[in-house]
Amino acid sequence: MTKNHAPTLCKLSTTDYPALFDFEQSNKNWFEQWVPPRPDSYQHYDSFCTQCDRLRAEMRDGRAGYFLGYLGDSLVGRFNLTTLQEGTADVGYRIGQAFTGRGLAFPFASLLVDEARTLGLKTLTASALKENIASSKTLQRLGFVQQNTVPEIVHINKKAMTLLAYQRSL
């Protein structure tokens, strides 16, 4: 697949599995600062591919949308629409550590919102740790509004963190 130097979202494809596996492995410690660790099976290529096949089946069934964000030939992040039902989906994304601090989350997440519109979705929800200021700012810039007045406390790596819920209409 040819990728240009503008931010591009591509649906998860079997041809992406090797690059995605490398992306997940090289960013494992970075991601685990913000999200619970992936299952051990994610550390083994064959079982990783099996999991990706399941994700692609969810896409075929209309239950989710899994996308990879590329800048040129570089895999920048994963961008997901999950739990699609009744016009609503959850938005999730993760940016590789080498690409943080460069303002890339917003243009890629904007493309994901466009994908949601294409799918006919009406409402998007998202969550971000209060401690992850960049993600909260990105969501707000995308038009998401914080929903919970009493934030949820979650534990990541045995550390208590505050989870904020967001929502936006399309």
C-alpha atoms as a PDB file:
ATOM      1  CA  MET A   1       0.000   0.000   0.000  1.00  0.00           C
ATOM      2  CA  THR A   2       1.394   3.409  -0.929  1.00  0.00           C
ATOM      3  CA  LYS A   3       1.262   5.945   1.843  1.00  0.00           C
ATOM      4  CA  ASN A   4       1.903   9.659   1.344  1.00  0.00           C
ATOM      5  CA  HIS A   5       3.331  12.112   3.863  1.00  0.00           C
ATOM      6  CA  ALA A   6      -0.029  13.519   4.934  1.00  0.00           C
ATOM      7  CA  PRO A   7      -1.727  11.808   7.884  1.00  0.00           C
ATOM      8  CA  THR A   8      -3.531   8.762   6.519  1.00  0.00           C
ATOM      9  CA  LEU A   9      -5.862   6.267   8.196  1.00  0.00           C
ATOM     10  CA  CYS A  10      -5.989   2.753   6.772  1.00  0.00           C
ATOM     11  CA  LYS A  11      -8.303  -0.058   7.830  1.00  0.00           C
ATOM     12  CA  LEU A  12      -6.443  -2.825   9.617  1.00  0.00           C
ATOM     13  CA  SER A  13      -5.245  -5.311   7.015  1.00  0.00           C
ATOM     14  CA  THR A  14      -3.284  -8.561   7.217  1.00  0.00           C
ATOM     15  CA  THR A  15      -0.420  -6.834   5.399  1.00  0.00           C
ATOM     16  CA  ASP A  16      -0.108  -4.471   8.370  1.00  0.00           C
ATOM     17  CA  TYR A  17       0.378  -7.219  10.965  1.00  0.00           C
ATOM     18  CA  PRO A  18       4.222  -7.238  10.960  1.00  0.00           C
ATOM     19  CA  ALA A  19       4.481  -3.447  11.297  1.00  0.00           C
ATOM     20  CA  LEU A  20       1.730  -3.369  13.914  1.00  0.00           C
ATOM     21  CA  PHE A  21       3.394  -6.109  15.936  1.00  0.00           C
ATOM     22  CA  ASP A  22       6.684  -4.170  15.888  1.00  0.00           C
ATOM     23  CA  PHE A  23       4.809  -0.994  16.831  1.00  0.00           C
ATOM     24  CA  GLU A  24       3.131  -2.697  19.807  1.00  0.00           C
ATOM     25  CA  GLN A  25       6.375  -4.300  20.979  1.00  0.00           C
ATOM     26  CA  SER A  26       8.496  -1.165  20.703  1.00  0.00           C
ATOM     27  CA  ASN A  27       5.885   0.969  22.512  1.00  0.00           C
ATOM     28  CA  LYS A  28       4.821  -1.567  25.159  1.00  0.00           C
ATOM     29  CA  ASN A  29       6.386   0.230  28.136  1.00  0.00           C
ATOM     30  CA  TRP A  30       5.197   3.625  26.914  1.00  0.00           C
ATOM     31  CA  PHE A  31       1.597   2.481  26.484  1.00  0.00           C
ATOM     32  CA  GLU A  32       1.505   0.734  29.848  1.00  0.00           C
ATOM     33  CA  GLN A  33       1.989   4.092  31.554  1.00  0.00           C
ATOM     34  CA  TRP A  34      -1.498   5.033  30.330  1.00  0.00           C
ATOM     35  CA  VAL A  35      -3.452   1.827  29.717  1.00  0.00           C
ATOM     36  CA  PRO A  36      -3.546  -1.637  31.250  1.00  0.00           C
ATOM     37  CA  PRO A  37      -1.038  -4.069  29.738  1.00  0.00           C
ATOM     38  CA  ARG A  38      -1.970  -6.168  26.747  1.00  0.00           C
ATOM     39  CA  PRO A  39      -2.435  -9.897  27.403  1.00  0.00           C
ATOM     40  CA  ASP A  40       0.683 -12.063  27.229  1.00  0.00           C
ATOM     41  CA  SER A  41      -0.552 -13.438  23.906  1.00  0.00           C
ATOM     42  CA  TYR A  42       0.202 -10.021  22.369  1.00  0.00           C
ATOM     43  CA  GLN A  43       3.906 -10.731  22.884  1.00  0.00           C
ATOM     44  CA  HIS A  44       3.900 -13.727  20.493  1.00  0.00           C
ATOM     45  CA  TYR A  45       3.492 -13.017  16.801  1.00  0.00           C
ATOM     46  CA  ASP A  46       1.215 -15.955  15.931  1.00  0.00           C
ATOM     47  CA  SER A  47      -1.273 -15.259  18.724  1.00  0.00           C
ATOM     48  CA  PHE A  48      -1.022 -11.525  17.970  1.00  0.00           C
ATOM     49  CA  CYS A  49      -2.094 -12.275  14.382  1.00  0.00           C
ATOM     50  CA  THR A  50      -4.978 -14.393  15.669  1.00  0.00           C
ATOM     51  CA  GLN A  51      -6.136 -11.441  17.780  1.00  0.00           C
ATOM     52  CA  CYS A  52      -5.859  -9.110  14.774  1.00  0.00           C
ATOM     53  CA  ASP A  53      -7.945 -11.572  12.743  1.00  0.00           C
ATOM     54  CA  ARG A  54     -10.624 -11.309  15.451  1.00  0.00           C
ATOM     55  CA  LEU A  55     -10.527  -7.521  15.195  1.00  0.00           C
ATOM     56  CA  ARG A  56     -10.962  -7.724  11.426  1.00  0.00           C
ATOM     57  CA  ALA A  57     -13.936 -10.057  11.943  1.00  0.00           C
ATOM     58  CA  GLU A  58     -15.505  -7.395  14.213  1.00  0.00           C
ATOM     59  CA  MET A  59     -15.049  -4.893  11.372  1.00  0.00           C
ATOM     60  CA  ARG A  60     -16.665  -7.222   8.830  1.00  0.00           C
ATOM     61  CA  ASP A  61     -19.586  -7.735  11.229  1.00  0.00           C
ATOM     62  CA  GLY A  62     -20.033  -3.961  11.664  1.00  0.00           C
ATOM     63  CA  ARG A  63     -19.196  -4.060  15.374  1.00  0.00           C
ATOM     64  CA  ALA A  64     -15.994  -1.986  15.208  1.00  0.00           C
ATOM     65  CA  GLY A  65     -13.586  -0.038  13.043  1.00  0.00           C
ATOM     66  CA  TYR A  66      -9.841  -0.544  13.505  1.00  0.00           C
ATOM     67  CA  PHE A  67      -7.481   1.808  11.718  1.00  0.00           C
ATOM     68  CA  LEU A  68      -3.766   2.447  11.565  1.00  0.00           C
ATOM     69  CA  GLY A  69      -2.407   5.946  11.209  1.00  0.00           C
ATOM     70  CA  TYR A  70       0.498   6.449   8.846  1.00  0.00           C
ATOM     71  CA  LEU A  71       2.685   9.450   8.181  1.00  0.00           C
ATOM     72  CA  GLY A  72       4.548   8.497   5.038  1.00  0.00           C
ATOM     73  CA  ASP A  73       5.661   4.918   5.628  1.00  0.00           C
ATOM     74  CA  SER A  74       5.804   5.362   9.413  1.00  0.00           C
ATOM     75  CA  LEU A  75       3.139   3.779  11.598  1.00  0.00           C
ATOM     76  CA  VAL A  76       2.215   6.569  14.016  1.00  0.00           C
ATOM     77  CA  GLY A  77      -0.658   5.006  15.945  1.00  0.00           C
ATOM     78  CA  ARG A  78      -3.813   2.945  16.245  1.00  0.00           C
ATOM     79  CA  PHE A  79      -7.249   4.535  16.015  1.00  0.00           C
ATOM     80  CA  ASN A  80     -10.372   2.587  16.909  1.00  0.00           C
ATOM     81  CA  LEU A  81     -14.138   2.826  16.881  1.00  0.00           C
ATOM     82  CA  THR A  82     -15.414   0.077  19.166  1.00  0.00           C
ATOM     83  CA  THR A  83     -18.734  -1.173  20.539  1.00  0.00           C
ATOM     84  CA  LEU A  84     -20.647   0.166  17.540  1.00  0.00           C
ATOM     85  CA  GLN A  85     -24.327  -0.042  18.353  1.00  0.00           C
ATOM     86  CA  GLU A  86     -27.410   2.094  17.877  1.00  0.00           C
ATOM     87  CA  GLY A  87     -25.465   4.933  16.229  1.00  0.00           C
ATOM     88  CA  THR A  88     -22.848   5.155  18.990  1.00  0.00           C
ATOM     89  CA  ALA A  89     -19.209   4.099  19.209  1.00  0.00           C
ATOM     90  CA  ASP A  90     -16.311   4.410  21.621  1.00  0.00           C
ATOM     91  CA  VAL A  91     -13.232   6.206  20.305  1.00  0.00           C
ATOM     92  CA  GLY A  92      -9.792   5.019  21.297  1.00  0.00           C
ATOM     93  CA  TYR A  93      -6.319   5.755  20.052  1.00  0.00           C
ATOM     94  CA  ARG A  94      -2.687   5.367  20.945  1.00  0.00           C
ATOM     95  CA  ILE A  95       0.260   7.212  19.474  1.00  0.00           C
ATOM     96  CA  GLY A  96       3.736   5.698  19.395  1.00  0.00           C
ATOM     97  CA  GLN A  97       6.184   7.333  21.784  1.00  0.00           C
ATOM     98  CA  ALA A  98       8.435   8.577  18.962  1.00  0.00           C
ATOM     99  CA  PHE A  99       5.503  10.605  17.595  1.00  0.00           C
ATOM    100  CA  THR A 100       4.249  12.230  20.803  1.00  0.00           C
ATOM    101  CA  GLY A 101       4.549  15.952  21.380  1.00  0.00           C
ATOM    102  CA  ARG A 102       4.262  16.695  17.650  1.00  0.00           C
ATOM    103  CA  GLY A 103       0.549  17.502  17.498  1.00  0.00           C
ATOM    104  CA  LEU A 104      -0.247  14.365  15.486  1.00  0.00           C
ATOM    105  CA  ALA A 105      -3.077  12.961  17.607  1.00  0.00           C
ATOM    106  CA  PHE A 106      -5.495  15.674  16.484  1.00  0.00           C
ATOM    107  CA  PRO A 107      -5.247  15.253  12.690  1.00  0.00           C
ATOM    108  CA  PHE A 108      -5.423  11.459  12.947  1.00  0.00           C
ATOM    109  CA  ALA A 109      -8.300  11.522  15.441  1.00  0.00           C
ATOM    110  CA  SER A 110     -10.081  14.013  13.154  1.00  0.00           C
ATOM    111  CA  LEU A 111      -9.831  11.445  10.365  1.00  0.00           C
ATOM    112  CA  LEU A 112     -11.322   8.877  12.744  1.00  0.00           C
ATOM    113  CA  VAL A 113     -14.274  11.194  13.437  1.00  0.00           C
ATOM    114  CA  ASP A 114     -14.737  11.467   9.655  1.00  0.00           C
ATOM    115  CA  GLU A 115     -14.785   7.640   9.456  1.00  0.00           C
ATOM    116  CA  ALA A 116     -17.458   7.621  12.177  1.00  0.00           C
ATOM    117  CA  ARG A 117     -19.592   9.997  10.118  1.00  0.00           C
ATOM    118  CA  THR A 118     -19.128   7.780   7.051  1.00  0.00           C
ATOM    119  CA  LEU A 119     -20.428   4.848   9.101  1.00  0.00           C
ATOM    120  CA  GLY A 120     -23.523   6.883   9.983  1.00  0.00           C
ATOM    121  CA  LEU A 121     -22.712   7.166  13.673  1.00  0.00           C
ATOM    122  CA  LYS A 122     -24.440   9.919  15.647  1.00  0.00           C
ATOM    123  CA  THR A 123     -22.611   9.889  18.989  1.00  0.00           C
ATOM    124  CA  LEU A 124     -19.028   9.189  20.013  1.00  0.00           C
ATOM    125  CA  THR A 125     -17.773   8.498  23.506  1.00  0.00           C
ATOM    126  CA  ALA A 126     -14.196   8.411  24.756  1.00  0.00           C
ATOM    127  CA  SER A 127     -12.209   8.160  27.966  1.00  0.00           C
ATOM    128  CA  ALA A 128      -8.916   9.725  28.955  1.00  0.00           C
ATOM    129  CA  LEU A 129      -6.877   9.745  32.105  1.00  0.00           C
ATOM    130  CA  LYS A 130      -6.878  13.124  33.795  1.00  0.00           C
ATOM    131  CA  GLU A 131      -3.128  12.638  34.123  1.00  0.00           C
ATOM    132  CA  ASN A 132      -2.842  12.341  30.319  1.00  0.00           C
ATOM    133  CA  ILE A 133      -3.381  16.025  29.635  1.00  0.00           C
ATOM    134  CA  ALA A 134      -2.529  15.744  25.926  1.00  0.00           C
ATOM    135  CA  SER A 135      -5.317  13.211  25.295  1.00  0.00           C
ATOM    136  CA  SER A 136      -7.896  15.293  27.153  1.00  0.00           C
ATOM    137  CA  LYS A 137      -6.892  18.380  25.169  1.00  0.00           C
ATOM    138  CA  THR A 138      -7.101  16.446  21.898  1.00  0.00           C
ATOM    139  CA  LEU A 139     -10.597  15.191  22.729  1.00  0.00           C
ATOM    140  CA  GLN A 140     -11.767  18.666  23.711  1.00  0.00           C
ATOM    141  CA  ARG A 141     -10.303  20.135  20.525  1.00  0.00           C
ATOM    142  CA  LEU A 142     -12.271  17.492  18.575  1.00  0.00           C
ATOM    143  CA  GLY A 143     -15.489  18.748  20.190  1.00  0.00           C
ATOM    144  CA  PHE A 144     -15.810  16.142  22.955  1.00  0.00           C
ATOM    145  CA  VAL A 145     -17.281  17.388  26.233  1.00  0.00           C
ATOM    146  CA  GLN A 146     -16.457  15.882  29.601  1.00  0.00           C
ATOM    147  CA  GLN A 147     -19.480  13.981  30.927  1.00  0.00           C
ATOM    148  CA  ASN A 148     -18.736  12.758  34.406  1.00  0.00           C
ATOM    149  CA  THR A 149     -18.868  15.168  37.293  1.00  0.00           C
ATOM    150  CA  VAL A 150     -17.435  12.519  39.622  1.00  0.00           C
ATOM    151  CA  PRO A 151     -14.499  10.999  37.722  1.00  0.00           C
ATOM    152  CA  GLU A 152     -13.826   7.279  37.979  1.00  0.00           C
ATOM    153  CA  ILE A 153     -10.655   6.102  39.715  1.00  0.00           C
ATOM    154  CA  VAL A 154      -8.776   3.334  37.900  1.00  0.00           C
ATOM    155  CA  HIS A 155      -5.565   1.534  38.763  1.00  0.00           C
ATOM    156  CA  ILE A 156      -2.836   1.224  36.165  1.00  0.00           C
ATOM    157  CA  ASN A 157       0.409  -0.426  37.242  1.00  0.00           C
ATOM    158  CA  LYS A 158      -0.827  -0.258  40.843  1.00  0.00           C
ATOM    159  CA  LYS A 159      -1.173   3.515  40.607  1.00  0.00           C
ATOM    160  CA  ALA A 160      -4.545   5.225  41.149  1.00  0.00           C
ATOM    161  CA  MET A 161      -5.478   7.472  38.237  1.00  0.00           C
ATOM    162  CA  THR A 162      -8.558   9.486  37.350  1.00  0.00           C
ATOM    163  CA  LEU A 163     -10.540   8.432  34.284  1.00  0.00           C
ATOM    164  CA  LEU A 164     -12.602  11.113  32.591  1.00  0.00           C
ATOM    165  CA  ALA A 165     -15.534  10.321  30.274  1.00  0.00           C
ATOM    166  CA  TYR A 166     -16.184  12.382  27.140  1.00  0.00           C
ATOM    167  CA  GLN A 167     -18.917  12.499  24.526  1.00  0.00           C
ATOM    168  CA  ARG A 168     -19.685  14.345  21.300  1.00  0.00           C
ATOM    169  CA  SER A 169     -22.502  14.383  18.776  1.00  0.00           C
ATOM    170  CA  LEU A 170     -21.854  14.127  15.059  1.00  0.00           C
END
